[in-house]
């Protein structure tokens, strides 16, 4: 049996499965008869077969999907049937936007491109600040994803069957970015196909267009508001390492689920950790800081206890790294976010927000110490392992669980 995903509906690129037809002769030998066979699909609205019978394919023009559709291969008086199940994306697709209401961010000024006009006329002091010195207020950004479920119809009852069950969706953003657009580019625009940026007040939609027709496969309404919000706090997480666990899916045993965990424990001298940060806004939304253009802000990371951790420059990134120096733990890393240099009004840099990140430095015992502990210290090793796991923060999607835990801790602050 053969299964296939009809992603050609989304990309205009045919999806094919190669076919080779073999025959068994009377003496038991096997011969390739691919060039001598004839072939036919029982329903070309579901799946097609190439003229020379060397592949089964879909090209996006199919109008339905089915379980176990038949493709016939004939050689002389012999017939072989191939059952094909085609999974197609369920339409309409879903556009998921992390924040559908985007506002200006108070105090965050960014350089204005020469071809951009001011958002509106006003005489109040903050608008004068916004338009002065070639800078304007930054608009909020949001993350964009395209989601769908892959489905097929049962041959007898015509009921939909969901790949991996009805509760799971597939992130197909990479397949749809080429055909995604903003209806009103003056209101908002897409950057790198995954980040939506407000430009001026108004209402627009993010659309996913069909590559094969003029139809719209998905759309989502976005409002750019004529107001200002503030940055309440920065969420900071230190990532010292990653672990990966694999387990079989509870419904489909052919599928393996992977879970990535970020660890905040430094276990060796000079071990490094990277810094990850989110912005908490007064409206309650949370956004990763790294989706904003690094030219529009600067950061300063400092250690509050250099006997435990130090901060060193990272030549490959704007973000420095945190380095273990001695054992200890607590909120020892301070992150300050400032507006970009061209939009600073005075020599004293304007700090937009401050956040603190917790880190633990617990050095693992050396090989000599492990040998001195003997071979019976299994309970101690197991306890250390459990403690190590308890200090990990699971990342699901784009660090969603870490964000939720951080929001619970800082909830009263943003109220």
Protein backbone atom coordinates (compact mmCIF):
# COMPACT_ATOMS: atom_id res chain seq x y z
CA UNK A 1 0.00 0.00 0.00
CA UNK A 2 1.14 3.56 -0.77
CA UNK A 3 0.33 6.81 1.04
CA UNK A 4 1.01 10.36 -0.07
CA UNK A 5 0.45 13.98 0.98
CA UNK A 6 -1.07 16.18 -1.69
CA UNK A 7 0.93 19.30 -0.88
CA UNK A 8 0.79 20.31 -4.56
CA UNK A 9 -2.46 22.09 -3.69
CA UNK A 10 -0.34 24.48 -1.60
CA UNK A 11 2.87 24.71 -3.62
CA UNK A 12 2.01 23.97 -7.27
CA UNK A 13 4.83 21.41 -7.18
CA UNK A 14 3.80 17.84 -8.14
CA UNK A 15 4.31 15.10 -5.57
CA UNK A 16 5.22 11.71 -7.02
CA UNK A 17 6.05 8.18 -5.91
CA UNK A 18 8.31 6.17 -8.24
CA UNK A 19 6.97 2.82 -9.47
CA UNK A 20 8.84 -0.24 -10.73
CA UNK A 21 6.94 -3.30 -11.98
CA UNK A 22 8.59 -6.69 -11.61
CA UNK A 23 7.57 -10.04 -12.98
CA UNK A 24 8.40 -13.58 -11.82
CA UNK A 25 9.13 -16.08 -14.59
CA UNK A 26 8.39 -19.79 -14.52
CA UNK A 27 11.95 -20.61 -13.49
CA UNK A 28 11.64 -18.26 -10.49
CA UNK A 29 13.79 -15.47 -11.86
CA UNK A 30 12.69 -11.88 -11.41
CA UNK A 31 12.65 -9.47 -14.36
CA UNK A 32 11.87 -5.75 -14.67
CA UNK A 33 8.81 -5.34 -16.95
CA UNK A 34 8.22 -1.63 -16.21
CA UNK A 35 8.68 -0.59 -19.85
CA UNK A 36 6.19 -3.18 -21.09
CA UNK A 37 3.24 -2.45 -18.79
CA UNK A 38 0.11 -0.40 -19.25
CA UNK A 39 -1.38 1.55 -16.39
CA UNK A 40 -4.51 3.44 -15.42
CA UNK A 41 -5.81 5.29 -12.37
CA UNK A 42 -9.31 4.38 -11.29
CA UNK A 43 -10.01 8.06 -10.54
CA UNK A 44 -7.73 10.85 -11.80
CA UNK A 45 -9.57 13.36 -9.62
CA UNK A 46 -7.76 11.67 -6.71
CA UNK A 47 -4.47 10.31 -8.05
CA UNK A 48 -2.76 10.14 -11.42
CA UNK A 49 -0.24 7.84 -13.07
CA UNK A 50 2.44 8.96 -15.53
CA UNK A 51 2.24 8.11 -19.24
CA UNK A 52 5.19 5.73 -19.08
CA UNK A 53 3.88 4.16 -15.85
CA UNK A 54 7.00 4.93 -13.85
CA UNK A 55 5.32 7.05 -11.15
CA UNK A 56 2.07 7.75 -9.30
CA UNK A 57 1.56 11.47 -8.67
CA UNK A 58 -0.67 14.39 -7.73
CA UNK A 59 -0.31 17.88 -9.21
CA UNK A 60 -2.73 19.93 -7.11
CA UNK A 61 -5.63 19.82 -9.56
CA UNK A 62 -7.26 16.93 -7.73
CA UNK A 63 -10.62 17.76 -6.18
CA UNK A 64 -10.80 15.09 -3.47
CA UNK A 65 -8.84 12.51 -1.49
CA UNK A 66 -9.68 8.89 -0.77
CA UNK A 67 -8.50 5.83 1.12
CA UNK A 68 -7.18 2.90 -0.92
CA UNK A 69 -7.80 4.21 -4.41
CA UNK A 70 -6.76 1.73 -7.09
CA UNK A 71 -4.08 2.14 -9.78
CA UNK A 72 -4.01 -0.73 -12.30
CA UNK A 73 -0.82 -2.07 -13.88
CA UNK A 74 -1.24 -4.59 -16.74
CA UNK A 75 1.35 -6.77 -18.45
CA UNK A 76 0.01 -9.20 -21.07
CA UNK A 77 -2.79 -10.99 -19.21
CA UNK A 78 -1.43 -10.21 -15.74
CA UNK A 79 -2.93 -7.40 -13.63
CA UNK A 80 -1.47 -5.87 -10.49
CA UNK A 81 -3.42 -3.45 -8.33
CA UNK A 82 -1.77 -0.76 -6.19
CA UNK A 83 -3.88 0.74 -3.41
CA UNK A 84 -3.10 4.42 -2.85
CA UNK A 85 -4.28 6.60 0.04
CA UNK A 86 -4.05 10.32 -0.67
CA UNK A 87 -4.08 12.80 2.21
CA UNK A 88 -5.06 16.36 1.31
CA UNK A 89 -4.94 19.56 3.40
CA UNK A 90 -8.33 20.44 4.82
CA UNK A 91 -9.61 23.73 3.44
CA UNK A 92 -9.84 26.48 4.41
CA UNK A 93 -6.41 26.53 6.00
CA UNK A 94 -5.95 28.34 9.32
CA UNK A 95 -3.78 31.42 9.70
CA UNK A 96 -2.62 31.74 13.29
CA UNK A 97 -1.34 35.17 14.40
CA UNK A 98 0.05 35.57 17.91
CA UNK A 99 -1.53 39.03 18.27
CA UNK A 100 -4.25 40.33 15.92
CA UNK A 101 -4.31 43.83 17.44
CA UNK A 102 -1.07 45.76 16.99
CA UNK A 103 -0.31 49.07 18.69
CA UNK A 104 2.55 51.55 18.88
CA UNK A 105 5.01 50.89 21.70
CA UNK A 106 5.43 53.89 23.95
CA UNK A 107 9.01 55.13 24.22
CA UNK A 108 10.43 52.79 21.57
CA UNK A 109 11.60 55.02 18.73
CA UNK A 110 13.07 53.61 15.53
CA UNK A 111 14.55 55.31 12.44
CA UNK A 112 11.96 56.12 9.77
CA UNK A 113 12.64 55.03 6.21
CA UNK A 114 12.73 57.93 3.77
CA UNK A 115 9.76 56.54 1.82
CA UNK A 116 7.50 56.28 4.88
CA UNK A 117 5.21 59.13 5.75
CA UNK A 118 4.21 59.99 9.35
CA UNK A 119 1.25 58.05 10.63
CA UNK A 120 -0.88 61.09 11.47
CA UNK A 121 -0.76 64.78 12.36
CA UNK A 122 -0.91 65.85 16.00
CA UNK A 123 0.44 68.65 18.16
CA UNK A 124 0.82 66.84 21.49
CA UNK A 125 4.28 66.41 22.93
CA UNK A 126 4.60 62.70 22.29
CA UNK A 127 3.71 63.02 18.61
CA UNK A 128 6.35 65.72 18.23
CA UNK A 129 8.82 63.30 19.81
CA UNK A 130 7.65 60.58 17.44
CA UNK A 131 8.20 62.66 14.31
CA UNK A 132 11.37 64.41 15.43
CA UNK A 133 14.90 63.48 14.44
CA UNK A 134 13.74 61.09 11.70
CA UNK A 135 12.35 58.57 14.20
CA UNK A 136 8.88 57.19 14.87
CA UNK A 137 7.36 54.87 17.43
CA UNK A 138 7.80 51.17 16.88
CA UNK A 139 4.69 49.09 16.16
CA UNK A 140 4.15 45.70 17.73
CA UNK A 141 5.17 42.58 15.82
CA UNK A 142 3.35 39.25 15.74
CA UNK A 143 4.25 35.71 14.74
CA UNK A 144 2.37 34.15 11.80
CA UNK A 145 1.83 30.45 11.15
CA UNK A 146 -0.24 28.46 8.66
CA UNK A 147 -1.91 25.37 10.11
CA UNK A 148 -4.01 22.59 8.65
CA UNK A 149 -5.15 19.01 9.12
CA UNK A 150 -4.55 16.35 6.50
CA UNK A 151 -7.68 14.33 5.74
CA UNK A 152 -8.93 11.60 3.44
CA UNK A 153 -12.37 10.13 2.75
CA UNK A 154 -13.19 6.52 3.51
CA UNK A 155 -14.15 4.57 0.41
CA UNK A 156 -17.45 3.23 1.72
CA UNK A 157 -19.04 5.84 4.01
CA UNK A 158 -17.41 9.01 2.70
CA UNK A 159 -16.46 10.08 6.21
CA UNK A 160 -13.32 12.11 6.83
CA UNK A 161 -10.36 10.40 8.41
CA UNK A 162 -7.74 12.65 10.04
CA UNK A 163 -4.05 11.91 9.83
CA UNK A 164 -2.86 11.35 13.42
CA UNK A 165 -6.33 12.12 14.75
CA UNK A 166 -8.70 15.13 14.73
CA UNK A 167 -6.92 16.97 17.55
CA UNK A 168 -3.57 17.51 15.82
CA UNK A 169 -2.68 20.21 13.32
CA UNK A 170 0.32 20.47 11.03
CA UNK A 171 2.46 23.59 10.75
CA UNK A 172 2.76 24.07 6.98
CA UNK A 173 4.08 27.65 7.07
CA UNK A 174 7.15 26.75 5.03
CA UNK A 175 4.90 25.45 2.24
CA UNK A 176 2.70 28.54 2.09
CA UNK A 177 5.00 31.51 2.58
CA UNK A 178 5.46 32.10 -1.15
CA UNK A 179 1.71 32.62 -1.56
CA UNK A 180 1.00 34.57 1.64
CA UNK A 181 0.32 38.31 1.48
CA UNK A 182 -1.18 41.23 3.38
CA UNK A 183 -4.22 42.70 1.64
CA UNK A 184 -3.37 46.30 2.67
CA UNK A 185 0.45 46.66 2.81
CA UNK A 186 0.21 50.25 4.03
CA UNK A 187 -1.45 48.98 7.26
CA UNK A 188 0.87 46.03 7.96
CA UNK A 189 3.58 44.05 6.23
CA UNK A 190 5.18 40.62 6.44
CA UNK A 191 8.87 40.29 7.24
CA UNK A 192 10.60 36.99 6.45
CA UNK A 193 7.11 35.55 5.82
CA UNK A 194 6.69 34.70 9.51
CA UNK A 195 6.56 38.10 11.24
CA UNK A 196 3.74 40.62 10.87
CA UNK A 197 4.64 44.28 11.49
CA UNK A 198 2.18 47.11 12.01
CA UNK A 199 2.72 50.23 9.88
CA UNK A 200 -0.22 52.58 10.40
CA UNK A 201 -3.75 52.45 11.87
CA UNK A 202 -6.26 50.44 9.87
CA UNK A 203 -7.77 47.02 9.24
CA UNK A 204 -6.37 44.42 6.87
CA UNK A 205 -6.19 40.66 6.35
CA UNK A 206 -3.35 38.19 6.03
CA UNK A 207 -4.19 35.87 3.14
CA UNK A 208 -2.89 32.59 1.77
CA UNK A 209 -3.58 32.47 -1.97
CA UNK A 210 -3.98 29.37 -4.10
CA UNK A 211 -1.05 28.90 -6.49
CA UNK A 212 -3.39 27.23 -8.98
CA UNK A 213 -6.34 29.63 -9.07
CA UNK A 214 -7.54 33.01 -7.82
CA UNK A 215 -9.12 31.53 -4.70
CA UNK A 216 -8.11 32.37 -1.13
CA UNK A 217 -7.12 29.31 0.91
CA UNK A 218 -7.09 31.14 4.25
CA UNK A 219 -7.32 34.61 5.73
CA UNK A 220 -7.15 36.32 9.10
CA UNK A 221 -8.17 39.85 10.06
CA UNK A 222 -5.61 42.12 11.73
CA UNK A 223 -6.25 45.54 13.32
CA UNK A 224 -3.50 48.13 13.71
CA UNK A 225 -4.72 50.40 16.50
CA UNK A 226 -4.33 54.14 16.91
CA UNK A 227 -3.09 53.88 20.49
CA UNK A 228 0.02 53.13 22.53
CA UNK A 229 0.95 50.34 24.89
CA UNK A 230 3.95 50.00 27.18
CA UNK A 231 6.51 47.32 27.82
CA UNK A 232 5.76 45.99 31.30
CA UNK A 233 8.69 43.62 31.70
CA UNK A 234 11.25 41.47 29.95
CA UNK A 235 11.12 37.73 30.52
CA UNK A 236 14.60 36.23 30.54
CA UNK A 237 15.59 32.57 30.28
CA UNK A 238 19.10 31.15 30.34
CA UNK A 239 19.60 28.07 28.17
CA UNK A 240 22.58 25.95 29.18
CA UNK A 241 21.77 22.89 27.11
CA UNK A 242 19.13 20.91 25.28
CA UNK A 243 17.81 17.39 25.73
CA UNK A 244 15.64 15.34 23.41
CA UNK A 245 13.21 12.57 24.31
CA UNK A 246 11.39 10.30 21.87
CA UNK A 247 8.23 8.29 22.41
CA UNK A 248 5.66 6.54 20.20
CA UNK A 249 2.43 8.34 19.37
CA UNK A 250 -0.56 7.10 21.38
CA UNK A 251 -2.79 6.74 18.28
CA UNK A 252 -0.49 5.96 15.35
CA UNK A 253 2.42 3.73 16.31
CA UNK A 254 4.25 4.66 13.12
CA UNK A 255 4.73 8.19 14.45
CA UNK A 256 7.42 9.23 16.90
CA UNK A 257 6.85 12.28 19.11
CA UNK A 258 9.90 14.31 20.04
CA UNK A 259 10.07 16.65 23.03
CA UNK A 260 12.84 19.20 23.39
CA UNK A 261 13.80 20.47 26.85
CA UNK A 262 15.94 23.50 27.65
CA UNK A 263 18.13 23.16 30.73
CA UNK A 264 19.15 26.03 33.01
CA UNK A 265 21.89 24.23 34.96
CA UNK A 266 25.56 24.86 34.18
CA UNK A 267 27.57 21.78 35.21
CA UNK A 268 31.17 22.59 34.34
CA UNK A 269 33.54 25.55 34.73
CA UNK A 270 33.46 27.85 31.68
CA UNK A 271 30.33 26.16 30.33
CA UNK A 272 28.27 28.69 28.38
CA UNK A 273 24.57 29.51 28.32
CA UNK A 274 22.68 31.64 25.83
CA UNK A 275 20.06 34.24 26.69
CA UNK A 276 16.48 34.12 25.45
CA UNK A 277 13.98 36.89 26.11
CA UNK A 278 10.32 37.86 25.67
CA UNK A 279 8.50 41.17 25.91
CA UNK A 280 5.41 41.42 28.13
CA UNK A 281 3.14 44.28 27.01
CA UNK A 282 0.59 46.19 29.05
CA UNK A 283 -2.15 44.69 26.87
CA UNK A 284 -1.21 41.22 28.12
CA UNK A 285 0.45 39.85 24.98
CA UNK A 286 3.88 38.21 25.02
CA UNK A 287 6.28 38.32 22.07
CA UNK A 288 9.79 36.92 21.59
CA UNK A 289 12.26 39.79 21.46
CA UNK A 290 14.24 38.23 18.62
CA UNK A 291 11.46 38.73 16.06
CA UNK A 292 12.20 42.46 16.14
CA UNK A 293 14.89 43.87 13.87
CA UNK A 294 18.14 43.96 15.90
CA UNK A 295 18.92 47.36 14.34
CA UNK A 296 15.94 48.82 16.21
CA UNK A 297 17.24 48.16 19.74
CA UNK A 298 20.34 47.34 21.72
CA UNK A 299 20.77 45.14 24.77
CA UNK A 300 23.12 45.02 27.73
CA UNK A 301 23.54 41.79 29.67
CA UNK A 302 25.34 41.93 33.02
CA UNK A 303 26.12 39.55 35.88
CA UNK A 304 24.92 40.35 39.39
CA UNK A 305 27.47 37.95 40.88
CA UNK A 306 30.64 37.48 38.85
CA UNK A 307 31.89 34.84 41.28
CA UNK A 308 29.16 32.58 39.93
CA UNK A 309 28.69 33.68 36.30
CA UNK A 310 30.33 36.16 33.96
CA UNK A 311 29.12 37.69 30.70
CA UNK A 312 31.26 37.52 27.58
CA UNK A 313 30.87 38.83 24.05
CA UNK A 314 29.60 36.48 21.36
CA UNK A 315 31.25 37.24 18.02
CA UNK A 316 28.51 35.36 16.14
CA UNK A 317 25.52 37.17 17.66
CA UNK A 318 24.29 40.44 19.09
CA UNK A 319 23.55 38.52 22.28
CA UNK A 320 26.45 37.78 24.66
CA UNK A 321 26.91 34.44 26.42
CA UNK A 322 26.84 33.65 30.13
CA UNK A 323 29.81 31.65 31.42
CA UNK A 324 30.01 29.55 34.60
CA UNK A 325 32.68 30.65 37.08
CA UNK A 326 31.66 29.12 40.44
CA UNK A 327 28.74 27.32 42.06
CA UNK A 328 25.61 29.23 43.01
CA UNK A 329 22.09 30.01 41.85
CA UNK A 330 19.43 32.69 41.67
CA UNK A 331 18.35 35.64 39.47
CA UNK A 332 21.94 36.52 38.63
CA UNK A 333 21.59 37.86 35.08
CA UNK A 334 20.28 41.34 34.32
CA UNK A 335 19.14 42.33 30.83
CA UNK A 336 18.54 45.94 29.80
CA UNK A 337 16.87 46.87 26.52
CA UNK A 338 17.52 50.30 24.95
CA UNK A 339 16.40 52.09 21.80
CA UNK A 340 18.80 52.26 18.87
CA UNK A 341 21.55 54.87 18.87
CA UNK A 342 20.15 57.12 16.06
CA UNK A 343 16.96 57.68 18.07
CA UNK A 344 18.56 58.44 21.44
CA UNK A 345 17.51 61.97 22.49
CA UNK A 346 20.31 62.51 24.99
CA UNK A 347 23.73 61.08 25.78
CA UNK A 348 22.12 59.13 28.59
CA UNK A 349 20.68 56.05 26.92
CA UNK A 350 16.92 55.51 27.19
CA UNK A 351 16.26 52.15 28.86
CA UNK A 352 13.00 50.66 27.61
CA UNK A 353 12.79 47.63 29.89
CA UNK A 354 14.75 45.55 32.37
CA UNK A 355 14.53 41.85 33.13
CA UNK A 356 16.33 39.27 35.28
CA UNK A 357 17.08 35.66 34.51
CA UNK A 358 17.73 32.81 36.94
CA UNK A 359 20.63 30.40 36.50
CA UNK A 360 22.02 27.48 38.47
CA UNK A 361 25.67 26.52 38.54
CA UNK A 362 26.26 23.11 40.08
CA UNK A 363 29.45 21.43 38.98
CA UNK A 364 29.31 17.71 38.34
CA UNK A 365 31.78 15.57 40.36
CA UNK A 366 35.09 14.82 38.68
CA UNK A 367 36.03 11.33 37.50
CA UNK A 368 38.25 10.86 40.57
CA UNK A 369 35.40 11.81 42.89
CA UNK A 370 33.06 9.45 41.11
CA UNK A 371 35.53 6.59 41.55
CA UNK A 372 35.94 7.44 45.24
CA UNK A 373 32.19 7.25 45.65
CA UNK A 374 32.29 3.55 44.70
CA UNK A 375 30.02 1.53 42.48
CA UNK A 376 27.15 1.32 44.99
CA UNK A 377 26.20 5.00 44.87
CA UNK A 378 23.36 4.30 42.44
CA UNK A 379 20.78 6.07 44.60
CA UNK A 380 22.85 9.25 44.68
CA UNK A 381 23.37 9.22 40.92
CA UNK A 382 19.65 8.68 40.39
CA UNK A 383 18.83 11.53 42.75
CA UNK A 384 21.21 13.88 40.91
CA UNK A 385 19.66 12.85 37.60
CA UNK A 386 16.14 13.58 38.86
CA UNK A 387 17.25 16.92 40.25
CA UNK A 388 18.81 17.74 36.90
CA UNK A 389 15.60 16.89 35.06
CA UNK A 390 13.50 18.91 37.49
CA UNK A 391 15.50 22.00 36.53
CA UNK A 392 14.69 21.72 32.84
CA UNK A 393 12.02 23.82 31.16
CA UNK A 394 10.21 22.10 28.32
CA UNK A 395 9.93 24.02 25.07
CA UNK A 396 6.85 23.24 23.02
CA UNK A 397 6.29 25.14 19.77
CA UNK A 398 8.26 28.37 20.31
CA UNK A 399 8.93 28.04 24.03
CA UNK A 400 5.21 28.22 24.85
CA UNK A 401 5.43 26.41 28.16
CA UNK A 402 8.30 28.58 29.38
CA UNK A 403 6.29 31.66 28.48
CA UNK A 404 3.24 30.42 30.40
CA UNK A 405 5.31 29.69 33.51
CA UNK A 406 6.88 33.12 33.29
CA UNK A 407 3.46 34.77 32.87
CA UNK A 408 2.17 33.04 36.00
CA UNK A 409 5.09 34.44 37.97
CA UNK A 410 4.75 37.96 36.59
CA UNK A 411 0.96 38.07 36.25
CA UNK A 412 0.38 40.56 39.10
CA UNK A 413 3.01 42.86 37.60
CA UNK A 414 1.19 43.16 34.28
CA UNK A 415 -2.25 43.54 35.83
